[in-house]
């Protein structure tokens, strides 16, 4: 990661500061670029700024603050372009050019707005040149849509009031915005928190381009709520779906996708993209190889007997994920998976936040806004394609070694996997007890075998 330093490199009593950028090249070797700035200070002043001094006058403190502000501006400018342009160590003039551009801005260029809505729009407009989670360029469609939704929400929240600026996003703003999303607009807690995180990303991006943000930005709370709603299909429920009779063709096809998904543990999008090209043989082992859309990671999944049995007539027919989600609910309903459980589901609400009734075809009788609501529902209403991945991980935990499960689900740490399947201290206690019970049973069996051998010998 590139680091910026400012140096006083002159024997004179007053001189411009030097900016130094230090980083490592692709071979891991350090290199640095240097350039003179137009920020001139005295040697004595620079000593004061480098070391904490007591009893400074108000004038001195103001001067130090002003200089540090200038340094922060040029640092943010240089780092933002360094990240985008990635100059090589041989490009000695790159830093000099950027410092000149910073000190001599093109007045014909439009000055970037600090309005919150403009900053969100700017992030959306430049999404194609932004680094993504896979270290490539271009944000995903889902990330872009997430920022577009944030823009709509902020515009609604702002209403006819004066436009919010990025520097307005402080702790108080965050709490009020979160309260409005959850209690006034009926967004779920998890979604509202995610919008806060997106908002902070927008503000940090504005800071990178030299705009002023609030000093409380890092303390604005977003994050994920605790996941107490771990829903999956156990083996008994999967078997109930497996042995359903007289299904129409569209449900037969959906069942095939569901059973296949519960055997390979992948997200819905990755599951539905699997074709015959993903089935290969390596060193005599039949496997499915895919690249996960979300993580970009390569996953190799062995084809077991049960998977072969599900696919004996070939892969299921292509289907839209929205339809698969709907048909999985219908399969679970027919299989009697109707225990009332806590969870969240997408529903249509009227202007008062009341769920709109459906007709006999399951269609809403009026238009409204879609929201995720929490409550207690028949389990089948909460099922979707993601249940495949969670069922795979949960049903195999304690049977298959945890590192092998992680190789297929691609959770980065065991902690993440255990949070994903909802394991807690009581589960660990039971697992330990099961282990010792198994050891005791093995010991008893071993003792019985010795007695039998002794009797045979006599």
Protein backbone atom coordinates (compact mmCIF):
# COMPACT_ATOMS: atom_id res chain seq x y z
CA UNK A 1 0.00 0.00 0.00
CA UNK A 2 1.39 3.37 -1.02
CA UNK A 3 2.48 5.75 1.77
CA UNK A 4 2.98 9.52 1.56
CA UNK A 5 5.65 11.44 3.51
CA UNK A 6 6.46 15.16 3.59
CA UNK A 7 10.08 16.21 4.08
CA UNK A 8 12.02 19.42 4.64
CA UNK A 9 15.01 18.88 2.36
CA UNK A 10 16.94 22.14 2.26
CA UNK A 11 19.77 23.90 4.14
CA UNK A 12 17.92 27.20 3.77
CA UNK A 13 15.86 28.70 6.60
CA UNK A 14 12.74 28.59 4.45
CA UNK A 15 11.95 26.21 1.58
CA UNK A 16 9.14 24.26 -0.17
CA UNK A 17 8.34 20.84 1.31
CA UNK A 18 9.11 17.68 -0.64
CA UNK A 19 6.44 15.02 -1.07
CA UNK A 20 7.62 11.40 -1.20
CA UNK A 21 5.47 8.45 -2.30
CA UNK A 22 6.72 5.03 -1.23
CA UNK A 23 5.36 1.66 -2.37
CA UNK A 24 6.37 -1.84 -3.49
CA UNK A 25 6.44 -3.07 -7.10
CA UNK A 26 5.04 -6.40 -8.34
CA UNK A 27 8.22 -8.14 -7.17
CA UNK A 28 7.79 -6.82 -3.64
CA UNK A 29 10.74 -4.40 -3.93
CA UNK A 30 10.37 -0.93 -2.44
CA UNK A 31 10.57 2.16 -4.61
CA UNK A 32 9.83 5.84 -4.13
CA UNK A 33 8.94 8.92 -6.15
CA UNK A 34 9.64 12.51 -5.06
CA UNK A 35 8.54 15.99 -6.09
CA UNK A 36 8.69 19.55 -4.75
CA UNK A 37 5.45 21.13 -3.59
CA UNK A 38 4.49 24.81 -3.45
CA UNK A 39 3.90 24.57 0.30
CA UNK A 40 6.76 26.65 1.72
CA UNK A 41 7.54 26.67 5.46
CA UNK A 42 10.47 27.66 7.68
CA UNK A 43 12.84 25.05 9.04
CA UNK A 44 11.93 26.04 12.61
CA UNK A 45 8.22 25.82 11.88
CA UNK A 46 8.64 22.31 10.44
CA UNK A 47 10.46 21.19 13.59
CA UNK A 48 7.53 22.43 15.66
CA UNK A 49 5.02 20.54 13.51
CA UNK A 50 7.08 17.32 13.75
CA UNK A 51 7.31 17.37 17.55
CA UNK A 52 4.64 18.10 20.12
CA UNK A 53 5.34 21.46 21.71
CA UNK A 54 3.60 22.87 24.73
CA UNK A 55 2.57 26.47 25.29
CA UNK A 56 2.03 27.26 21.62
CA UNK A 57 0.25 30.50 20.86
CA UNK A 58 -3.13 30.53 19.14
CA UNK A 59 -1.48 31.96 16.02
CA UNK A 60 1.02 29.06 15.88
CA UNK A 61 -1.73 26.48 16.34
CA UNK A 62 -3.79 28.03 13.55
CA UNK A 63 -0.78 28.11 11.22
CA UNK A 64 0.02 24.44 11.93
CA UNK A 65 -3.61 23.48 11.33
CA UNK A 66 -3.64 25.40 8.03
CA UNK A 67 -0.46 23.73 6.76
CA UNK A 68 -1.68 20.28 7.77
CA UNK A 69 -4.91 20.94 5.87
CA UNK A 70 -2.93 21.75 2.72
CA UNK A 71 -0.81 18.62 3.14
CA UNK A 72 -3.91 16.45 3.59
CA UNK A 73 -5.40 17.88 0.40
CA UNK A 74 -2.40 17.10 -1.78
CA UNK A 75 -1.95 13.69 -0.14
CA UNK A 76 -5.55 12.67 -0.89
CA UNK A 77 -5.24 13.97 -4.46
CA UNK A 78 -2.02 12.05 -5.17
CA UNK A 79 -3.20 8.78 -3.58
CA UNK A 80 -6.52 8.83 -5.44
CA UNK A 81 -4.78 9.14 -8.84
CA UNK A 82 -2.06 6.68 -7.85
CA UNK A 83 -4.71 4.05 -7.16
CA UNK A 84 -6.41 4.70 -10.52
CA UNK A 85 -3.33 5.09 -12.74
CA UNK A 86 -0.87 2.71 -11.02
CA UNK A 87 2.36 4.27 -12.40
CA UNK A 88 5.51 2.12 -12.53
CA UNK A 89 8.69 2.82 -10.59
CA UNK A 90 10.32 3.93 -13.84
CA UNK A 91 7.80 6.75 -14.29
CA UNK A 92 9.88 9.27 -12.34
CA UNK A 93 7.94 12.30 -13.55
CA UNK A 94 4.48 10.96 -12.60
CA UNK A 95 4.47 12.49 -9.11
CA UNK A 96 5.85 15.80 -10.36
CA UNK A 97 3.03 15.96 -12.92
CA UNK A 98 0.37 15.27 -10.29
CA UNK A 99 1.74 17.90 -7.91
CA UNK A 100 1.75 20.43 -10.76
CA UNK A 101 -1.85 19.53 -11.67
CA UNK A 102 -2.90 19.92 -8.05
CA UNK A 103 -1.24 23.31 -7.73
CA UNK A 104 -2.47 24.47 -11.16
CA UNK A 105 -5.98 23.08 -11.63
CA UNK A 106 -7.67 23.43 -14.98
CA UNK A 107 -10.27 26.12 -14.37
CA UNK A 108 -12.30 24.82 -17.31
CA UNK A 109 -12.94 21.58 -15.45
CA UNK A 110 -16.14 21.39 -13.45
CA UNK A 111 -15.51 21.58 -9.70
CA UNK A 112 -16.79 18.42 -8.02
CA UNK A 113 -19.94 19.07 -5.99
CA UNK A 114 -20.04 18.20 -2.29
CA UNK A 115 -23.80 17.61 -2.32
CA UNK A 116 -24.53 14.14 -0.98
CA UNK A 117 -26.75 13.20 -3.92
CA UNK A 118 -24.13 14.43 -6.42
CA UNK A 119 -21.41 12.40 -4.70
CA UNK A 120 -23.53 9.25 -4.89
CA UNK A 121 -24.24 9.91 -8.57
CA UNK A 122 -20.53 10.52 -9.22
CA UNK A 123 -19.70 7.11 -7.71
CA UNK A 124 -22.32 5.48 -9.95
CA UNK A 125 -21.07 7.33 -13.06
CA UNK A 126 -17.47 6.24 -12.47
CA UNK A 127 -18.31 2.65 -11.45
CA UNK A 128 -16.61 1.23 -14.55
CA UNK A 129 -13.14 2.48 -13.49
CA UNK A 130 -13.38 1.54 -9.81
CA UNK A 131 -11.55 -1.42 -8.33
CA UNK A 132 -13.83 -4.29 -7.34
CA UNK A 133 -13.49 -7.04 -4.77
CA UNK A 134 -11.72 -9.24 -7.32
CA UNK A 135 -8.96 -6.62 -7.82
CA UNK A 136 -10.24 -5.87 -11.31
CA UNK A 137 -11.88 -2.73 -12.67
CA UNK A 138 -15.63 -2.21 -12.70
CA UNK A 139 -18.15 -2.53 -9.87
CA UNK A 140 -20.66 -5.36 -10.16
CA UNK A 141 -24.22 -4.73 -11.31
CA UNK A 142 -25.50 -5.47 -7.79
CA UNK A 143 -23.13 -2.91 -6.23
CA UNK A 144 -24.19 -0.26 -8.75
CA UNK A 145 -27.85 -1.02 -8.05
CA UNK A 146 -27.14 -0.73 -4.34
CA UNK A 147 -25.83 2.83 -4.82
CA UNK A 148 -28.76 3.68 -7.10
CA UNK A 149 -31.14 2.57 -4.35
CA UNK A 150 -29.20 4.67 -1.83
CA UNK A 151 -29.60 7.70 -4.11
CA UNK A 152 -33.39 7.21 -4.25
CA UNK A 153 -33.59 6.80 -0.48
CA UNK A 154 -31.49 9.91 0.25
CA UNK A 155 -33.59 11.99 -2.16
CA UNK A 156 -36.76 10.83 -0.41
CA UNK A 157 -35.27 11.47 3.04
CA UNK A 158 -34.04 14.90 2.01
CA UNK A 159 -37.37 15.91 0.48
CA UNK A 160 -37.67 19.68 -0.01
CA UNK A 161 -35.03 20.53 2.59
CA UNK A 162 -31.70 22.13 1.71
CA UNK A 163 -29.40 19.60 0.03
CA UNK A 164 -27.30 17.53 2.42
CA UNK A 165 -23.51 17.82 2.04
CA UNK A 166 -21.02 15.02 2.65
CA UNK A 167 -19.71 16.94 5.66
CA UNK A 168 -23.21 16.69 7.23
CA UNK A 169 -22.87 12.91 7.70
CA UNK A 170 -22.03 12.69 11.40
CA UNK A 171 -23.23 10.48 14.28
CA UNK A 172 -26.43 12.48 14.71
CA UNK A 173 -27.23 12.29 10.98
CA UNK A 174 -26.55 8.53 10.97
CA UNK A 175 -28.91 7.86 13.90
CA UNK A 176 -31.71 10.01 12.45
CA UNK A 177 -31.36 8.46 8.98
CA UNK A 178 -31.34 4.92 10.43
CA UNK A 179 -34.41 5.67 12.55
CA UNK A 180 -36.25 7.07 9.51
CA UNK A 181 -35.43 4.03 7.35
CA UNK A 182 -36.52 1.47 9.97
CA UNK A 183 -39.42 3.17 11.76
CA UNK A 184 -40.83 5.49 9.09
CA UNK A 185 -40.08 3.70 5.81
CA UNK A 186 -40.32 0.08 7.06
CA UNK A 187 -36.93 -1.05 5.78
CA UNK A 188 -35.46 -4.07 7.57
CA UNK A 189 -32.68 -3.47 10.07
CA UNK A 190 -30.14 -5.36 7.95
CA UNK A 191 -31.00 -3.36 4.80
CA UNK A 192 -30.99 -0.02 6.67
CA UNK A 193 -27.58 -0.78 8.17
CA UNK A 194 -26.26 -1.69 4.73
CA UNK A 195 -27.41 1.70 3.38
CA UNK A 196 -25.48 3.40 6.20
CA UNK A 197 -22.36 1.46 5.15
CA UNK A 198 -22.92 2.48 1.51
CA UNK A 199 -23.30 6.09 2.61
CA UNK A 200 -19.99 5.97 4.50
CA UNK A 201 -18.30 4.55 1.38
CA UNK A 202 -19.60 7.52 -0.63
CA UNK A 203 -18.23 9.96 1.95
CA UNK A 204 -14.82 8.26 2.06
CA UNK A 205 -14.68 8.45 -1.73
CA UNK A 206 -15.42 12.17 -1.53
CA UNK A 207 -12.62 12.58 1.01
CA UNK A 208 -10.21 10.88 -1.40
CA UNK A 209 -11.02 13.55 -3.96
CA UNK A 210 -10.31 16.34 -1.48
CA UNK A 211 -13.85 17.16 -0.31
CA UNK A 212 -14.45 17.94 3.34
CA UNK A 213 -16.11 15.20 5.42
CA UNK A 214 -17.19 15.17 9.05
CA UNK A 215 -14.63 14.15 11.66
CA UNK A 216 -17.27 11.82 13.16
CA UNK A 217 -17.65 9.78 9.95
CA UNK A 218 -15.80 6.73 11.30
CA UNK A 219 -18.12 6.63 14.33
CA UNK A 220 -21.33 6.49 12.29
CA UNK A 221 -22.75 3.03 12.94
CA UNK A 222 -23.77 0.65 10.16
CA UNK A 223 -22.65 -2.97 10.05
CA UNK A 224 -24.57 -6.21 10.12
CA UNK A 225 -27.09 -7.18 12.82
CA UNK A 226 -26.69 -10.50 14.61
CA UNK A 227 -27.95 -13.42 12.53
CA UNK A 228 -30.45 -15.28 14.72
CA UNK A 229 -32.51 -16.60 11.81
CA UNK A 230 -30.53 -19.59 10.51
CA UNK A 231 -32.90 -21.46 8.19
CA UNK A 232 -32.05 -24.66 6.35
CA UNK A 233 -33.60 -27.94 5.28
CA UNK A 234 -32.57 -30.93 7.39
CA UNK A 235 -32.16 -34.37 5.84
CA UNK A 236 -35.68 -35.42 6.80
CA UNK A 237 -37.17 -32.36 5.08
CA UNK A 238 -34.99 -32.91 2.00
CA UNK A 239 -36.22 -36.50 1.80
CA UNK A 240 -39.84 -35.31 2.09
CA UNK A 241 -39.24 -33.12 -0.98
CA UNK A 242 -37.37 -35.92 -2.76
CA UNK A 243 -40.31 -38.34 -2.48
CA UNK A 244 -43.13 -35.96 -3.47
CA UNK A 245 -45.46 -37.59 -6.00
CA UNK A 246 -47.30 -36.35 -9.10
CA UNK A 247 -45.51 -33.03 -9.51
CA UNK A 248 -46.12 -30.85 -12.59
CA UNK A 249 -43.09 -30.53 -14.92
CA UNK A 250 -42.08 -27.06 -13.67
CA UNK A 251 -41.90 -28.33 -10.07
CA UNK A 252 -40.05 -31.50 -11.13
CA UNK A 253 -37.44 -29.26 -12.72
CA UNK A 254 -37.26 -26.98 -9.65
CA UNK A 255 -36.91 -30.02 -7.37
CA UNK A 256 -33.97 -31.22 -9.43
CA UNK A 257 -32.25 -27.81 -9.03
CA UNK A 258 -33.00 -27.82 -5.28
CA UNK A 259 -31.63 -31.32 -4.63
CA UNK A 260 -28.60 -30.65 -6.85
CA UNK A 261 -27.95 -27.39 -4.99
CA UNK A 262 -28.14 -29.07 -1.57
CA UNK A 263 -25.41 -31.45 -2.76
CA UNK A 264 -22.90 -28.88 -4.02
CA UNK A 265 -23.37 -25.95 -1.59
CA UNK A 266 -23.19 -22.99 -3.99
CA UNK A 267 -25.11 -19.71 -4.16
CA UNK A 268 -28.19 -19.57 -6.36
CA UNK A 269 -26.57 -17.55 -9.15
CA UNK A 270 -23.56 -19.89 -9.36
CA UNK A 271 -25.82 -22.96 -9.20
CA UNK A 272 -28.04 -21.86 -12.10
CA UNK A 273 -25.02 -20.98 -14.28
CA UNK A 274 -23.65 -24.54 -14.17
CA UNK A 275 -23.60 -26.23 -17.57
CA UNK A 276 -22.09 -29.45 -18.94
CA UNK A 277 -18.87 -27.50 -19.53
CA UNK A 278 -18.34 -27.34 -15.75
CA UNK A 279 -18.21 -31.15 -15.51
CA UNK A 280 -14.67 -32.43 -16.05
CA UNK A 281 -12.39 -35.28 -14.97
CA UNK A 282 -9.06 -34.73 -13.22
CA UNK A 283 -6.74 -37.64 -12.42
CA UNK A 284 -9.65 -40.03 -12.75
CA UNK A 285 -11.89 -38.01 -10.41
CA UNK A 286 -15.13 -36.54 -11.75
CA UNK A 287 -15.60 -32.98 -10.51
CA UNK A 288 -17.57 -29.78 -11.06
CA UNK A 289 -15.38 -26.70 -11.44
CA UNK A 290 -16.87 -23.20 -11.15
CA UNK A 291 -15.71 -19.67 -10.46
CA UNK A 292 -17.89 -18.03 -7.83
CA UNK A 293 -19.45 -14.78 -9.02
CA UNK A 294 -19.29 -13.04 -5.65
CA UNK A 295 -15.74 -13.94 -4.60
CA UNK A 296 -14.08 -14.74 -7.93
CA UNK A 297 -12.68 -17.89 -6.31
CA UNK A 298 -12.23 -21.16 -8.15
CA UNK A 299 -14.11 -24.10 -6.56
CA UNK A 300 -13.70 -27.81 -7.33
CA UNK A 301 -16.54 -30.06 -6.13
CA UNK A 302 -16.36 -33.88 -6.35
CA UNK A 303 -19.32 -35.59 -8.03
CA UNK A 304 -20.63 -38.10 -5.51
CA UNK A 305 -23.04 -40.99 -6.11
CA UNK A 306 -26.02 -39.00 -4.85
CA UNK A 307 -25.22 -36.12 -7.22
CA UNK A 308 -24.93 -38.57 -10.12
CA UNK A 309 -28.31 -40.05 -9.19
CA UNK A 310 -29.95 -36.60 -9.22
CA UNK A 311 -28.42 -35.81 -12.61
CA UNK A 312 -28.85 -39.27 -14.18
CA UNK A 313 -31.10 -37.76 -16.86
CA UNK A 314 -28.92 -34.69 -17.30
CA UNK A 315 -28.95 -31.21 -15.84
CA UNK A 316 -32.30 -29.56 -15.07
CA UNK A 317 -33.67 -27.05 -17.56
CA UNK A 318 -32.52 -23.40 -17.23
CA UNK A 319 -34.71 -21.28 -14.98
CA UNK A 320 -34.77 -17.69 -13.70
CA UNK A 321 -33.72 -17.42 -10.08
CA UNK A 322 -36.94 -15.53 -9.24
CA UNK A 323 -38.98 -18.49 -10.49
CA UNK A 324 -36.78 -20.98 -8.67
CA UNK A 325 -37.28 -19.07 -5.42
CA UNK A 326 -41.06 -19.17 -5.94
CA UNK A 327 -41.13 -22.87 -6.85
CA UNK A 328 -38.95 -23.85 -3.87
CA UNK A 329 -41.59 -22.33 -1.59
CA UNK A 330 -44.26 -24.39 -3.36
CA UNK A 331 -42.22 -27.60 -3.07
CA UNK A 332 -41.70 -27.05 0.65
CA UNK A 333 -45.40 -26.31 1.15
CA UNK A 334 -46.39 -29.54 -0.62
CA UNK A 335 -43.85 -31.45 1.49
CA UNK A 336 -45.51 -30.20 4.69
CA UNK A 337 -42.60 -27.99 5.77
CA UNK A 338 -44.94 -25.57 7.51
CA UNK A 339 -43.60 -25.28 11.06
CA UNK A 340 -43.94 -21.66 12.20
CA UNK A 341 -40.47 -20.13 12.59
CA UNK A 342 -38.97 -16.68 13.00
CA UNK A 343 -37.57 -15.07 9.90
CA UNK A 344 -37.81 -12.30 7.31
CA UNK A 345 -39.53 -12.20 3.95
CA UNK A 346 -40.14 -9.72 1.16
CA UNK A 347 -43.73 -8.51 1.06
CA UNK A 348 -45.83 -5.67 -0.36
CA UNK A 349 -46.88 -2.94 2.07
CA UNK A 350 -49.36 -0.09 1.69
CA UNK A 351 -48.62 3.53 2.64
CA UNK A 352 -49.41 2.76 6.29
CA UNK A 353 -46.94 -0.15 6.42
CA UNK A 354 -49.68 -2.81 6.40
CA UNK A 355 -49.24 -5.96 4.30
CA UNK A 356 -51.41 -5.96 1.18
CA UNK A 357 -53.60 -9.11 0.86
CA UNK A 358 -53.20 -11.57 -2.02
CA UNK A 359 -55.85 -13.14 -4.24
CA UNK A 360 -56.39 -16.88 -4.85
CA UNK A 361 -53.52 -16.87 -7.37
CA UNK A 362 -51.10 -15.48 -4.79
CA UNK A 363 -51.02 -12.07 -6.46
CA UNK A 364 -51.23 -8.81 -4.50
CA UNK A 365 -54.60 -7.11 -4.92
CA UNK A 366 -53.04 -3.63 -4.95
CA UNK A 367 -49.73 -1.92 -5.58
CA UNK A 368 -47.43 -0.81 -2.79
CA UNK A 369 -43.77 -0.84 -1.80
CA UNK A 370 -41.73 -4.01 -1.35
CA UNK A 371 -40.09 -4.39 2.04
CA UNK A 372 -38.45 -7.19 4.00
CA UNK A 373 -40.45 -7.73 7.19
CA UNK A 374 -39.58 -9.84 10.23
CA UNK A 375 -41.98 -12.06 12.13
CA UNK A 376 -43.13 -15.66 12.57
CA UNK A 377 -44.23 -17.45 9.39
CA UNK A 378 -44.73 -20.98 8.01
CA UNK A 379 -41.23 -22.17 7.19
CA UNK A 380 -41.98 -22.74 3.50
CA UNK A 381 -42.70 -19.01 3.04
CA UNK A 382 -39.07 -18.20 3.99
CA UNK A 383 -37.39 -20.63 1.62
CA UNK A 384 -35.35 -19.55 -1.43
CA UNK A 385 -32.45 -20.81 -3.52
CA UNK A 386 -29.98 -19.81 -0.80
CA UNK A 387 -31.33 -22.63 1.36
CA UNK A 388 -29.28 -25.02 -0.82
CA UNK A 389 -25.95 -23.59 0.30
CA UNK A 390 -26.91 -23.29 3.97
CA UNK A 391 -28.41 -26.81 4.07
CA UNK A 392 -25.24 -28.26 2.54
CA UNK A 393 -22.98 -26.62 5.13
CA UNK A 394 -25.25 -27.28 8.12
CA UNK A 395 -26.05 -30.93 7.36
CA UNK A 396 -22.41 -31.85 6.76
CA UNK A 397 -21.00 -29.98 9.78
CA UNK A 398 -19.66 -32.53 12.27
CA UNK A 399 -19.71 -35.26 9.62
CA UNK A 400 -17.28 -33.90 7.03
CA UNK A 401 -14.11 -32.19 8.36
CA UNK A 402 -14.71 -28.44 8.62
CA UNK A 403 -11.77 -27.45 6.32
CA UNK A 404 -13.30 -29.60 3.54
CA UNK A 405 -16.69 -27.90 3.91
CA UNK A 406 -14.90 -24.54 3.72
CA UNK A 407 -13.14 -25.57 0.50
CA UNK A 408 -16.54 -25.93 -1.15
CA UNK A 409 -18.43 -23.03 0.45
CA UNK A 410 -15.28 -20.84 0.28
CA UNK A 411 -15.76 -19.28 3.70
CA UNK A 412 -12.43 -17.64 4.53
CA UNK A 413 -12.33 -18.69 8.20
CA UNK A 414 -13.92 -21.34 10.39
CA UNK A 415 -15.46 -18.55 12.47
CA UNK A 416 -17.29 -17.23 9.40
CA UNK A 417 -18.58 -20.70 8.57
CA UNK A 418 -19.83 -21.31 12.10
CA UNK A 419 -21.59 -17.93 12.15
CA UNK A 420 -23.13 -18.77 8.79
CA UNK A 421 -24.65 -22.04 10.03
CA UNK A 422 -25.49 -20.61 13.46
CA UNK A 423 -23.37 -22.79 15.70
CA UNK A 424 -23.02 -21.69 19.33
CA UNK A 425 -21.42 -22.85 22.59
CA UNK A 426 -24.22 -25.36 23.23
CA UNK A 427 -23.59 -26.97 19.86
CA UNK A 428 -19.90 -27.31 20.72
CA UNK A 429 -20.79 -28.89 24.08
CA UNK A 430 -23.01 -31.44 22.34
CA UNK A 431 -20.30 -32.17 19.79
CA UNK A 432 -17.76 -32.80 22.56
CA UNK A 433 -20.23 -35.08 24.38
CA UNK A 434 -20.91 -37.02 21.17
CA UNK A 435 -17.16 -37.44 20.69
CA UNK A 436 -16.65 -38.91 24.18
CA UNK A 437 -19.74 -41.12 23.84
CA UNK A 438 -18.28 -42.49 20.60
CA UNK A 439 -14.91 -43.12 22.26
CA UNK A 440 -16.66 -44.93 25.15
CA UNK A 441 -18.63 -47.09 22.71
CA UNK A 442 -15.47 -48.00 20.79
CA UNK A 443 -13.72 -48.95 24.04
CA UNK A 444 -16.63 -51.18 25.10
CA UNK A 445 -16.68 -52.88 21.71
CA UNK A 446 -12.93 -53.42 21.88
CA UNK A 447 -13.29 -55.06 25.32
CA UNK A 448 -15.98 -57.42 24.07
CA UNK A 449 -13.81 -58.48 21.17
CA UNK A 450 -10.95 -59.40 23.54
CA UNK A 451 -13.28 -61.60 25.62
CA UNK A 452 -14.52 -63.39 22.50
CA UNK A 453 -10.94 -64.05 21.35
CA UNK A 454 -10.05 -65.48 24.76
CA UNK A 455 -13.05 -67.84 24.68
CA UNK A 456 -12.11 -69.03 21.20
CA UNK A 457 -8.56 -69.73 22.30
CA UNK A 458 -9.83 -71.87 25.21
